[in-house]
Amino acid sequence: LAQIACVVNPQAFVIGGGMAKAGDIVIEVVRKHFS
C-alpha cells in the first residue's frame, strides 16, 4: 500500500472483504507497517 500511495496518492485506504471482519487489528497492523 505504501507503493500504491506513491502512485495514486489517495486520501484513504478502505479495507473490506471477509477478512476485514477481524476488525481494528487488521487496520492497526497494516497502518503500522505502512508508516
PDB file of all heavy atoms in Angstrom:
ATOM      1  N   LEU A   1       0.819  -1.214   0.000  1.00  0.00           N
ATOM      2  CA  LEU A   1       0.000   0.000   0.000  1.00  0.00           C
ATOM      3  C   LEU A   1       0.851   1.261   0.000  1.00  0.00           C
ATOM      4  O   LEU A   1       0.458   2.290  -0.563  1.00  0.00           O
ATOM      5  CB  LEU A   1      -0.959  -0.005   1.192  1.00  0.00           C
ATOM      6  CG  LEU A   1      -1.979  -1.144   1.221  1.00  0.00           C
ATOM      7  CD1 LEU A   1      -2.978  -0.938   2.353  1.00  0.00           C
ATOM      8  CD2 LEU A   1      -2.708  -1.270  -0.104  1.00  0.00           C
ATOM      9  N   ALA A   2       2.031   1.191   0.597  1.00  0.00           N
ATOM     10  CA  ALA A   2       2.950   2.329   0.552  1.00  0.00           C
ATOM     11  C   ALA A   2       3.373   2.618  -0.886  1.00  0.00           C
ATOM     12  O   ALA A   2       3.513   3.779  -1.289  1.00  0.00           O
ATOM     13  CB  ALA A   2       4.167   2.055   1.429  1.00  0.00           C
ATOM     14  N   GLN A   3       3.586   1.567  -1.666  1.00  0.00           N
ATOM     15  CA  GLN A   3       3.937   1.749  -3.082  1.00  0.00           C
ATOM     16  C   GLN A   3       2.755   2.308  -3.872  1.00  0.00           C
ATOM     17  O   GLN A   3       2.922   3.202  -4.717  1.00  0.00           O
ATOM     18  CB  GLN A   3       4.378   0.413  -3.671  1.00  0.00           C
ATOM     19  CG  GLN A   3       5.635  -0.164  -3.022  1.00  0.00           C
ATOM     20  CD  GLN A   3       5.962  -1.556  -3.520  1.00  0.00           C
ATOM     21  OE1 GLN A   3       6.030  -1.794  -4.712  1.00  0.00           O
ATOM     22  NE2 GLN A   3       6.148  -2.490  -2.606  1.00  0.00           N
ATOM     23  N   ILE A   4       1.566   1.784  -3.593  1.00  0.00           N
ATOM     24  CA  ILE A   4       0.370   2.272  -4.282  1.00  0.00           C
ATOM     25  C   ILE A   4       0.140   3.741  -3.966  1.00  0.00           C
ATOM     26  O   ILE A   4      -0.216   4.537  -4.850  1.00  0.00           O
ATOM     27  CB  ILE A   4      -0.848   1.434  -3.870  1.00  0.00           C
ATOM     28  CG1 ILE A   4      -0.719   0.002  -4.419  1.00  0.00           C
ATOM     29  CG2 ILE A   4      -2.148   2.063  -4.357  1.00  0.00           C
ATOM     30  CD1 ILE A   4      -1.708  -0.973  -3.825  1.00  0.00           C
ATOM     31  N   ALA A   5       0.354   4.136  -2.712  1.00  0.00           N
ATOM     32  CA  ALA A   5       0.146   5.526  -2.304  1.00  0.00           C
ATOM     33  C   ALA A   5       1.065   6.478  -3.067  1.00  0.00           C
ATOM     34  O   ALA A   5       0.679   7.613  -3.370  1.00  0.00           O
ATOM     35  CB  ALA A   5       0.361   5.675  -0.799  1.00  0.00           C
ATOM     36  N   CYS A   6       2.260   6.019  -3.401  1.00  0.00           N
ATOM     37  CA  CYS A   6       3.180   6.857  -4.169  1.00  0.00           C
ATOM     38  C   CYS A   6       2.701   7.074  -5.598  1.00  0.00           C
ATOM     39  O   CYS A   6       3.072   8.050  -6.247  1.00  0.00           O
ATOM     40  CB  CYS A   6       4.577   6.224  -4.196  1.00  0.00           C
ATOM     41  SG  CYS A   6       5.501   6.425  -2.671  1.00  0.00           S
ATOM     42  N   VAL A   7       1.870   6.172  -6.090  1.00  0.00           N
ATOM     43  CA  VAL A   7       1.396   6.270  -7.475  1.00  0.00           C
ATOM     44  C   VAL A   7       0.115   7.085  -7.570  1.00  0.00           C
ATOM     45  O   VAL A   7      -0.015   7.954  -8.430  1.00  0.00           O
ATOM     46  CB  VAL A   7       1.167   4.868  -8.073  1.00  0.00           C
ATOM     47  CG1 VAL A   7       0.621   4.959  -9.501  1.00  0.00           C
ATOM     48  CG2 VAL A   7       2.474   4.076  -8.066  1.00  0.00           C
ATOM     49  N   VAL A   8      -0.868   6.815  -6.692  1.00  0.00           N
ATOM     50  CA  VAL A   8      -2.173   7.468  -6.835  1.00  0.00           C
ATOM     51  C   VAL A   8      -2.494   8.464  -5.718  1.00  0.00           C
ATOM     52  O   VAL A   8      -3.479   9.192  -5.823  1.00  0.00           O
ATOM     53  CB  VAL A   8      -3.314   6.429  -6.933  1.00  0.00           C
ATOM     54  CG1 VAL A   8      -3.127   5.565  -8.159  1.00  0.00           C
ATOM     55  CG2 VAL A   8      -3.404   5.565  -5.689  1.00  0.00           C
ATOM     56  N   ASN A   9      -1.687   8.493  -4.649  1.00  0.00           N
ATOM     57  CA  ASN A   9      -1.831   9.487  -3.580  1.00  0.00           C
ATOM     58  C   ASN A   9      -3.276   9.617  -3.082  1.00  0.00           C
ATOM     59  O   ASN A   9      -3.876  10.681  -3.133  1.00  0.00           O
ATOM     60  CB  ASN A   9      -1.329  10.836  -4.091  1.00  0.00           C
ATOM     61  CG  ASN A   9      -1.259  11.908  -3.007  1.00  0.00           C
ATOM     62  OD1 ASN A   9      -1.267  13.088  -3.314  1.00  0.00           O
ATOM     63  ND2 ASN A   9      -1.204  11.527  -1.746  1.00  0.00           N
ATOM     64  N   PRO A  10      -3.861   8.505  -2.576  1.00  0.00           N
ATOM     65  CA  PRO A  10      -5.250   8.576  -2.101  1.00  0.00           C
ATOM     66  C   PRO A  10      -5.350   9.288  -0.757  1.00  0.00           C
ATOM     67  O   PRO A  10      -4.365   9.387  -0.006  1.00  0.00           O
ATOM     68  CB  PRO A  10      -5.628   7.105  -1.947  1.00  0.00           C
ATOM     69  CG  PRO A  10      -4.335   6.442  -1.579  1.00  0.00           C
ATOM     70  CD  PRO A  10      -3.274   7.170  -2.366  1.00  0.00           C
ATOM     71  N   GLN A  11      -6.547   9.776  -0.455  1.00  0.00           N
ATOM     72  CA  GLN A  11      -6.804  10.299   0.887  1.00  0.00           C
ATOM     73  C   GLN A  11      -6.905   9.164   1.889  1.00  0.00           C
ATOM     74  O   GLN A  11      -6.572   9.346   3.066  1.00  0.00           O
ATOM     75  CB  GLN A  11      -8.107  11.093   0.897  1.00  0.00           C
ATOM     76  CG  GLN A  11      -8.122  12.354   0.066  1.00  0.00           C
ATOM     77  CD  GLN A  11      -9.534  12.870  -0.099  1.00  0.00           C
ATOM     78  OE1 GLN A  11     -10.291  12.386  -0.934  1.00  0.00           O
ATOM     79  NE2 GLN A  11      -9.905  13.858   0.708  1.00  0.00           N
ATOM     80  N   ALA A  12      -7.408   8.017   1.433  1.00  0.00           N
ATOM     81  CA  ALA A  12      -7.657   6.915   2.356  1.00  0.00           C
ATOM     82  C   ALA A  12      -7.593   5.565   1.650  1.00  0.00           C
ATOM     83  O   ALA A  12      -7.833   5.460   0.446  1.00  0.00           O
ATOM     84  CB  ALA A  12      -9.037   7.069   3.003  1.00  0.00           C
ATOM     85  N   PHE A  13      -7.253   4.554   2.433  1.00  0.00           N
ATOM     86  CA  PHE A  13      -7.417   3.160   2.040  1.00  0.00           C
ATOM     87  C   PHE A  13      -8.623   2.628   2.811  1.00  0.00           C
ATOM     88  O   PHE A  13      -8.690   2.772   4.036  1.00  0.00           O
ATOM     89  CB  PHE A  13      -6.185   2.327   2.394  1.00  0.00           C
ATOM     90  CG  PHE A  13      -4.992   2.595   1.529  1.00  0.00           C
ATOM     91  CD1 PHE A  13      -3.936   3.357   2.008  1.00  0.00           C
ATOM     92  CD2 PHE A  13      -4.922   2.109   0.232  1.00  0.00           C
ATOM     93  CE1 PHE A  13      -2.828   3.606   1.214  1.00  0.00           C
ATOM     94  CE2 PHE A  13      -3.823   2.354  -0.570  1.00  0.00           C
ATOM     95  CZ  PHE A  13      -2.765   3.112  -0.085  1.00  0.00           C
ATOM     96  N   VAL A  14      -9.567   2.041   2.101  1.00  0.00           N
ATOM     97  CA  VAL A  14     -10.743   1.440   2.730  1.00  0.00           C
ATOM     98  C   VAL A  14     -10.588  -0.068   2.633  1.00  0.00           C
ATOM     99  O   VAL A  14     -10.482  -0.620   1.531  1.00  0.00           O
ATOM    100  CB  VAL A  14     -12.040   1.904   2.046  1.00  0.00           C
ATOM    101  CG1 VAL A  14     -13.251   1.237   2.697  1.00  0.00           C
ATOM    102  CG2 VAL A  14     -12.164   3.421   2.121  1.00  0.00           C
ATOM    103  N   ILE A  15     -10.548  -0.730   3.776  1.00  0.00           N
ATOM    104  CA  ILE A  15     -10.278  -2.167   3.835  1.00  0.00           C
ATOM    105  C   ILE A  15     -11.589  -2.925   4.005  1.00  0.00           C
ATOM    106  O   ILE A  15     -12.330  -2.710   4.973  1.00  0.00           O
ATOM    107  CB  ILE A  15      -9.330  -2.514   5.002  1.00  0.00           C
ATOM    108  CG1 ILE A  15      -8.101  -1.591   5.005  1.00  0.00           C
ATOM    109  CG2 ILE A  15      -8.916  -3.984   4.923  1.00  0.00           C
ATOM    110  CD1 ILE A  15      -7.210  -1.717   3.803  1.00  0.00           C
ATOM    111  N   GLY A  16     -11.873  -3.819   3.065  1.00  0.00           N
ATOM    112  CA  GLY A  16     -13.099  -4.608   3.114  1.00  0.00           C
ATOM    113  C   GLY A  16     -12.827  -6.070   2.835  1.00  0.00           C
ATOM    114  O   GLY A  16     -11.687  -6.528   2.854  1.00  0.00           O
ATOM    115  N   GLY A  17     -13.880  -6.825   2.573  1.00  0.00           N
ATOM    116  CA  GLY A  17     -13.750  -8.258   2.353  1.00  0.00           C
ATOM    117  C   GLY A  17     -13.935  -9.034   3.639  1.00  0.00           C
ATOM    118  O   GLY A  17     -13.944  -8.473   4.743  1.00  0.00           O
ATOM    119  N   GLY A  18     -14.062 -10.347   3.507  1.00  0.00           N
ATOM    120  CA  GLY A  18     -14.340 -11.191   4.664  1.00  0.00           C
ATOM    121  C   GLY A  18     -13.319 -11.078   5.780  1.00  0.00           C
ATOM    122  O   GLY A  18     -13.661 -11.118   6.961  1.00  0.00           O
ATOM    123  N   MET A  19     -12.050 -10.911   5.431  1.00  0.00           N
ATOM    124  CA  MET A  19     -11.017 -10.871   6.457  1.00  0.00           C
ATOM    125  C   MET A  19     -11.070  -9.583   7.265  1.00  0.00           C
ATOM    126  O   MET A  19     -10.598  -9.531   8.410  1.00  0.00           O
ATOM    127  CB  MET A  19      -9.636 -11.052   5.831  1.00  0.00           C
ATOM    128  CG  MET A  19      -8.637 -11.688   6.777  1.00  0.00           C
ATOM    129  SD  MET A  19      -7.261 -12.453   5.914  1.00  0.00           S
ATOM    130  CE  MET A  19      -6.415 -11.039   5.279  1.00  0.00           C
ATOM    131  N   ALA A  20     -11.655  -8.534   6.696  1.00  0.00           N
ATOM    132  CA  ALA A  20     -11.770  -7.271   7.418  1.00  0.00           C
ATOM    133  C   ALA A  20     -12.712  -7.382   8.609  1.00  0.00           C
ATOM    134  O   ALA A  20     -12.722  -6.508   9.482  1.00  0.00           O
ATOM    135  CB  ALA A  20     -12.260  -6.179   6.474  1.00  0.00           C
ATOM    136  N   LYS A  21     -13.504  -8.482   8.666  1.00  0.00           N
ATOM    137  CA  LYS A  21     -14.386  -8.684   9.815  1.00  0.00           C
ATOM    138  C   LYS A  21     -13.605  -8.889  11.110  1.00  0.00           C
ATOM    139  O   LYS A  21     -14.171  -8.789  12.195  1.00  0.00           O
ATOM    140  CB  LYS A  21     -15.300  -9.883   9.564  1.00  0.00           C
ATOM    141  CG  LYS A  21     -16.305  -9.666   8.434  1.00  0.00           C
ATOM    142  CD  LYS A  21     -17.146 -10.900   8.178  1.00  0.00           C
ATOM    143  CE  LYS A  21     -18.118 -10.687   7.017  1.00  0.00           C
ATOM    144  NZ  LYS A  21     -18.910 -11.904   6.720  1.00  0.00           N
ATOM    145  N   ALA A  22     -12.300  -9.157  10.989  1.00  0.00           N
ATOM    146  CA  ALA A  22     -11.465  -9.252  12.194  1.00  0.00           C
ATOM    147  C   ALA A  22     -11.386  -7.908  12.900  1.00  0.00           C
ATOM    148  O   ALA A  22     -11.035  -7.833  14.076  1.00  0.00           O
ATOM    149  CB  ALA A  22     -10.067  -9.751  11.825  1.00  0.00           C
ATOM    150  N   GLY A  23     -11.705  -6.823  12.177  1.00  0.00           N
ATOM    151  CA  GLY A  23     -11.819  -5.516  12.802  1.00  0.00           C
ATOM    152  C   GLY A  23     -10.543  -4.713  12.893  1.00  0.00           C
ATOM    153  O   GLY A  23      -9.667  -4.778  12.015  1.00  0.00           O
ATOM    154  N   ASP A  24     -10.411  -3.967  13.991  1.00  0.00           N
ATOM    155  CA  ASP A  24      -9.331  -2.991  14.138  1.00  0.00           C
ATOM    156  C   ASP A  24      -7.943  -3.605  14.084  1.00  0.00           C
ATOM    157  O   ASP A  24      -6.982  -2.926  13.708  1.00  0.00           O
ATOM    158  CB  ASP A  24      -9.493  -2.222  15.452  1.00  0.00           C
ATOM    159  CG  ASP A  24     -10.692  -1.289  15.439  1.00  0.00           C
ATOM    160  OD1 ASP A  24     -11.162  -0.964  14.325  1.00  0.00           O
ATOM    161  OD2 ASP A  24     -11.157  -0.892  16.520  1.00  0.00           O
ATOM    162  N   ILE A  25      -7.799  -4.870  14.457  1.00  0.00           N
ATOM    163  CA  ILE A  25      -6.480  -5.496  14.428  1.00  0.00           C
ATOM    164  C   ILE A  25      -5.898  -5.475  13.014  1.00  0.00           C
ATOM    165  O   ILE A  25      -4.684  -5.329  12.824  1.00  0.00           O
ATOM    166  CB  ILE A  25      -6.534  -6.942  14.980  1.00  0.00           C
ATOM    167  CG1 ILE A  25      -5.114  -7.518  15.110  1.00  0.00           C
ATOM    168  CG2 ILE A  25      -7.415  -7.831  14.109  1.00  0.00           C
ATOM    169  CD1 ILE A  25      -5.075  -8.877  15.799  1.00  0.00           C
ATOM    170  N   VAL A  26      -6.766  -5.592  12.005  1.00  0.00           N
ATOM    171  CA  VAL A  26      -6.311  -5.546  10.609  1.00  0.00           C
ATOM    172  C   VAL A  26      -5.793  -4.154  10.283  1.00  0.00           C
ATOM    173  O   VAL A  26      -4.690  -3.983   9.753  1.00  0.00           O
ATOM    174  CB  VAL A  26      -7.451  -5.938   9.647  1.00  0.00           C
ATOM    175  CG1 VAL A  26      -7.029  -5.747   8.194  1.00  0.00           C
ATOM    176  CG2 VAL A  26      -7.877  -7.379   9.892  1.00  0.00           C
ATOM    177  N   ILE A  27      -6.575  -3.143  10.597  1.00  0.00           N
ATOM    178  CA  ILE A  27      -6.189  -1.760  10.326  1.00  0.00           C
ATOM    179  C   ILE A  27      -4.890  -1.410  11.051  1.00  0.00           C
ATOM    180  O   ILE A  27      -3.968  -0.815  10.478  1.00  0.00           O
ATOM    181  CB  ILE A  27      -7.304  -0.791  10.758  1.00  0.00           C
ATOM    182  CG1 ILE A  27      -8.560  -0.997   9.908  1.00  0.00           C
ATOM    183  CG2 ILE A  27      -6.818   0.653  10.675  1.00  0.00           C
ATOM    184  CD1 ILE A  27      -8.442  -0.547   8.486  1.00  0.00           C
ATOM    185  N   GLU A  28      -4.810  -1.795  12.310  1.00  0.00           N
ATOM    186  CA  GLU A  28      -3.657  -1.403  13.127  1.00  0.00           C
ATOM    187  C   GLU A  28      -2.352  -1.976  12.606  1.00  0.00           C
ATOM    188  O   GLU A  28      -1.336  -1.263  12.501  1.00  0.00           O
ATOM    189  CB  GLU A  28      -3.889  -1.830  14.583  1.00  0.00           C
ATOM    190  CG  GLU A  28      -4.990  -1.030  15.276  1.00  0.00           C
ATOM    191  CD  GLU A  28      -5.443  -1.670  16.579  1.00  0.00           C
ATOM    192  OE1 GLU A  28      -4.854  -2.711  16.968  1.00  0.00           O
ATOM    193  OE2 GLU A  28      -6.386  -1.148  17.202  1.00  0.00           O
ATOM    194  N   VAL A  29      -2.342  -3.261  12.258  1.00  0.00           N
ATOM    195  CA  VAL A  29      -1.090  -3.882  11.838  1.00  0.00           C
ATOM    196  C   VAL A  29      -0.683  -3.415  10.439  1.00  0.00           C
ATOM    197  O   VAL A  29       0.514  -3.230  10.158  1.00  0.00           O
ATOM    198  CB  VAL A  29      -1.182  -5.429  11.904  1.00  0.00           C
ATOM    199  CG1 VAL A  29      -2.095  -5.974  10.828  1.00  0.00           C
ATOM    200  CG2 VAL A  29       0.199  -6.049  11.817  1.00  0.00           C
ATOM    201  N   VAL A  30      -1.647  -3.165   9.576  1.00  0.00           N
ATOM    202  CA  VAL A  30      -1.321  -2.671   8.237  1.00  0.00           C
ATOM    203  C   VAL A  30      -0.836  -1.227   8.316  1.00  0.00           C
ATOM    204  O   VAL A  30       0.159  -0.860   7.675  1.00  0.00           O
ATOM    205  CB  VAL A  30      -2.540  -2.781   7.302  1.00  0.00           C
ATOM    206  CG1 VAL A  30      -2.236  -2.147   5.948  1.00  0.00           C
ATOM    207  CG2 VAL A  30      -2.929  -4.241   7.124  1.00  0.00           C
ATOM    208  N   ARG A  31      -1.512  -0.403   9.110  1.00  0.00           N
ATOM    209  CA  ARG A  31      -1.114   1.002   9.229  1.00  0.00           C
ATOM    210  C   ARG A  31       0.281   1.122   9.839  1.00  0.00           C
ATOM    211  O   ARG A  31       1.067   1.981   9.427  1.00  0.00           O
ATOM    212  CB  ARG A  31      -2.141   1.753  10.078  1.00  0.00           C
ATOM    213  CG  ARG A  31      -1.829   3.244  10.237  1.00  0.00           C
ATOM    214  CD  ARG A  31      -3.040   4.011  10.727  1.00  0.00           C
ATOM    215  NE  ARG A  31      -3.732   3.334  11.806  1.00  0.00           N
ATOM    216  CZ  ARG A  31      -4.989   3.574  12.146  1.00  0.00           C
ATOM    217  NH1 ARG A  31      -5.698   4.456  11.478  1.00  0.00           N
ATOM    218  NH2 ARG A  31      -5.555   2.933  13.145  1.00  0.00           N
ATOM    219  N   LYS A  32       0.600   0.255  10.797  1.00  0.00           N
ATOM    220  CA  LYS A  32       1.931   0.296  11.422  1.00  0.00           C
ATOM    221  C   LYS A  32       3.023   0.117  10.382  1.00  0.00           C
ATOM    222  O   LYS A  32       3.983   0.895  10.322  1.00  0.00           O
ATOM    223  CB  LYS A  32       2.038  -0.794  12.489  1.00  0.00           C
ATOM    224  CG  LYS A  32       3.406  -0.839  13.167  1.00  0.00           C
ATOM    225  CD  LYS A  32       3.520  -2.005  14.143  1.00  0.00           C
ATOM    226  CE  LYS A  32       3.772  -3.314  13.425  1.00  0.00           C
ATOM    227  NZ  LYS A  32       4.115  -4.425  14.363  1.00  0.00           N
ATOM    228  N   HIS A  33       2.884  -0.885   9.543  1.00  0.00           N
ATOM    229  CA  HIS A  33       3.924  -1.154   8.555  1.00  0.00           C
ATOM    230  C   HIS A  33       3.852  -0.195   7.367  1.00  0.00           C
ATOM    231  O   HIS A  33       4.894   0.128   6.777  1.00  0.00           O
ATOM    232  CB  HIS A  33       3.838  -2.606   8.094  1.00  0.00           C
ATOM    233  CG  HIS A  33       4.280  -3.572   9.144  1.00  0.00           C
ATOM    234  ND1 HIS A  33       5.585  -3.684   9.549  1.00  0.00           N
ATOM    235  CD2 HIS A  33       3.575  -4.460   9.905  1.00  0.00           C
ATOM    236  CE1 HIS A  33       5.687  -4.607  10.491  1.00  0.00           C
ATOM    237  NE2 HIS A  33       4.476  -5.082  10.722  1.00  0.00           N
ATOM    238  N   PHE A  34       2.666   0.286   7.039  1.00  0.00           N
ATOM    239  CA  PHE A  34       2.555   1.316   6.004  1.00  0.00           C
ATOM    240  C   PHE A  34       3.398   2.525   6.397  1.00  0.00           C
ATOM    241  O   PHE A  34       4.131   3.083   5.572  1.00  0.00           O
ATOM    242  CB  PHE A  34       1.089   1.714   5.827  1.00  0.00           C
ATOM    243  CG  PHE A  34       0.884   2.892   4.910  1.00  0.00           C
ATOM    244  CD1 PHE A  34       0.802   2.715   3.539  1.00  0.00           C
ATOM    245  CD2 PHE A  34       0.760   4.175   5.423  1.00  0.00           C
ATOM    246  CE1 PHE A  34       0.609   3.797   2.691  1.00  0.00           C
ATOM    247  CE2 PHE A  34       0.571   5.269   4.587  1.00  0.00           C
ATOM    248  CZ  PHE A  34       0.490   5.075   3.218  1.00  0.00           C
ATOM    249  N   SER A  35       3.310   2.924   7.652  1.00  0.00           N
ATOM    250  CA  SER A  35       4.058   4.086   8.131  1.00  0.00           C
ATOM    251  C   SER A  35       5.564   3.880   8.018  1.00  0.00           C
ATOM    252  O   SER A  35       6.315   4.837   7.799  1.00  0.00           O
ATOM    253  CB  SER A  35       3.690   4.392   9.585  1.00  0.00           C
ATOM    254  OG  SER A  35       2.311   4.717   9.692  1.00  0.00           O
TER     255      SER A  35
END
